[in-house]
């Protein structure tokens, strides 16, 4: 038998907290805006303990996944639409990443 759950607006979501590193990354996203940045530009946030390139990529990808989930929960935007990508016209191999423009620091409840 299917189970139906009625959801009302009275439900309060648990507070979502960002780590200091996540706050730094969010500041960076807001600073660059829709101009975006290459994913390798994020490596400076994860360059501790003398990591190799693969470790940097893993740290970056893990943190972006965690942030995508948190931002999706906070904003109601689909997780797949949190970070957007665009390719450079001059070199289609290079992609730039940027935060969905619907996410605004002041209205997403994000205090940096």
Protein backbone atom coordinates (compact mmCIF):
# COMPACT_ATOMS: atom_id res chain seq x y z
CA UNK A 1 0.00 0.00 0.00
CA UNK A 2 1.34 3.48 -0.80
CA UNK A 3 1.90 5.78 2.14
CA UNK A 4 0.96 9.44 1.82
CA UNK A 5 2.68 12.01 3.99
CA UNK A 6 1.15 15.44 4.27
CA UNK A 7 3.78 18.14 4.61
CA UNK A 8 2.87 21.53 6.00
CA UNK A 9 4.79 24.79 6.19
CA UNK A 10 5.05 24.29 9.94
CA UNK A 11 8.07 22.03 9.48
CA UNK A 12 11.28 23.71 10.59
CA UNK A 13 14.47 22.51 8.98
CA UNK A 14 17.53 22.00 11.13
CA UNK A 15 20.03 24.82 10.92
CA UNK A 16 22.74 24.24 8.37
CA UNK A 17 26.21 25.34 9.38
CA UNK A 18 29.15 26.04 7.11
CA UNK A 19 32.74 25.35 8.15
CA UNK A 20 35.30 28.14 7.93
CA UNK A 21 36.64 26.58 4.74
CA UNK A 22 33.15 26.44 3.23
CA UNK A 23 32.61 30.09 4.13
CA UNK A 24 35.86 31.00 2.37
CA UNK A 25 34.74 29.09 -0.70
CA UNK A 26 31.33 30.77 -0.66
CA UNK A 27 32.99 34.19 -0.42
CA UNK A 28 35.07 33.27 -3.45
CA UNK A 29 31.97 32.16 -5.38
CA UNK A 30 30.18 35.41 -4.54
CA UNK A 31 33.25 37.50 -5.45
CA UNK A 32 33.72 36.01 -8.92
CA UNK A 33 29.99 35.91 -9.65
CA UNK A 34 28.80 34.67 -13.02
CA UNK A 35 32.22 35.30 -14.56
CA UNK A 36 33.12 31.97 -12.97
CA UNK A 37 36.50 30.38 -12.47
CA UNK A 38 38.33 27.26 -13.53
CA UNK A 39 38.03 24.43 -11.04
CA UNK A 40 41.81 24.38 -10.61
CA UNK A 41 41.50 27.89 -9.12
CA UNK A 42 39.99 26.21 -6.04
CA UNK A 43 43.12 24.18 -5.32
CA UNK A 44 44.56 26.97 -3.15
CA UNK A 45 41.79 26.24 -0.62
CA UNK A 46 42.92 22.61 -0.32
CA UNK A 47 46.69 22.96 -0.61
CA UNK A 48 47.82 21.86 2.84
CA UNK A 49 50.01 18.96 3.90
CA UNK A 50 51.93 18.86 0.59
CA UNK A 51 49.23 17.00 -1.42
CA UNK A 52 49.68 15.68 -4.93
CA UNK A 53 47.35 16.76 -7.76
CA UNK A 54 44.98 13.80 -7.32
CA UNK A 55 44.59 14.55 -3.61
CA UNK A 56 43.78 18.19 -4.39
CA UNK A 57 41.11 17.10 -6.87
CA UNK A 58 39.59 14.65 -4.37
CA UNK A 59 39.49 17.26 -1.61
CA UNK A 60 37.95 19.81 -3.98
CA UNK A 61 35.34 17.44 -5.36
CA UNK A 62 34.35 16.15 -1.91
CA UNK A 63 33.94 19.67 -0.52
CA UNK A 64 31.91 20.82 -3.55
CA UNK A 65 29.59 17.81 -3.13
CA UNK A 66 29.09 18.64 0.55
CA UNK A 67 28.43 22.31 -0.20
CA UNK A 68 26.07 21.45 -3.06
CA UNK A 69 23.99 19.34 -0.67
CA UNK A 70 23.89 22.03 2.03
CA UNK A 71 23.02 24.83 -0.40
CA UNK A 72 20.30 22.71 -1.99
CA UNK A 73 18.75 22.06 1.44
CA UNK A 74 18.90 25.75 2.34
CA UNK A 75 17.59 27.21 -0.88
CA UNK A 76 15.27 24.55 -2.26
CA UNK A 77 17.19 24.62 -5.54
CA UNK A 78 17.97 21.24 -7.06
CA UNK A 79 21.43 19.99 -6.07
CA UNK A 80 22.29 19.60 -9.75
CA UNK A 81 21.59 23.32 -10.30
CA UNK A 82 23.64 24.73 -7.41
CA UNK A 83 26.92 25.02 -9.33
CA UNK A 84 26.66 25.85 -13.01
CA UNK A 85 29.27 25.36 -15.70
CA UNK A 86 30.09 27.10 -18.93
CA UNK A 87 32.73 26.41 -21.56
CA UNK A 88 35.10 29.04 -22.88
CA UNK A 89 34.43 30.05 -26.47
CA UNK A 90 38.17 30.33 -27.09
CA UNK A 91 38.90 26.83 -25.75
CA UNK A 92 35.94 24.46 -25.37
CA UNK A 93 38.05 22.10 -23.24
CA UNK A 94 38.14 24.64 -20.40
CA UNK A 95 35.06 24.90 -18.23
CA UNK A 96 34.25 27.58 -15.71
CA UNK A 97 32.22 27.01 -12.59
CA UNK A 98 29.94 29.54 -10.91
CA UNK A 99 27.21 29.66 -8.30
CA UNK A 100 23.60 29.63 -9.48
CA UNK A 101 22.66 33.33 -9.74
CA UNK A 102 19.41 32.62 -7.85
CA UNK A 103 21.53 32.07 -4.74
CA UNK A 104 22.13 35.42 -3.12
CA UNK A 105 24.14 35.80 0.04
CA UNK A 106 21.58 38.10 1.62
CA UNK A 107 18.48 35.96 0.92
CA UNK A 108 19.90 32.47 1.35
CA UNK A 109 20.50 32.88 5.05
CA UNK A 110 24.22 32.59 4.50
CA UNK A 111 26.16 34.65 6.98
CA UNK A 112 29.80 34.93 6.06
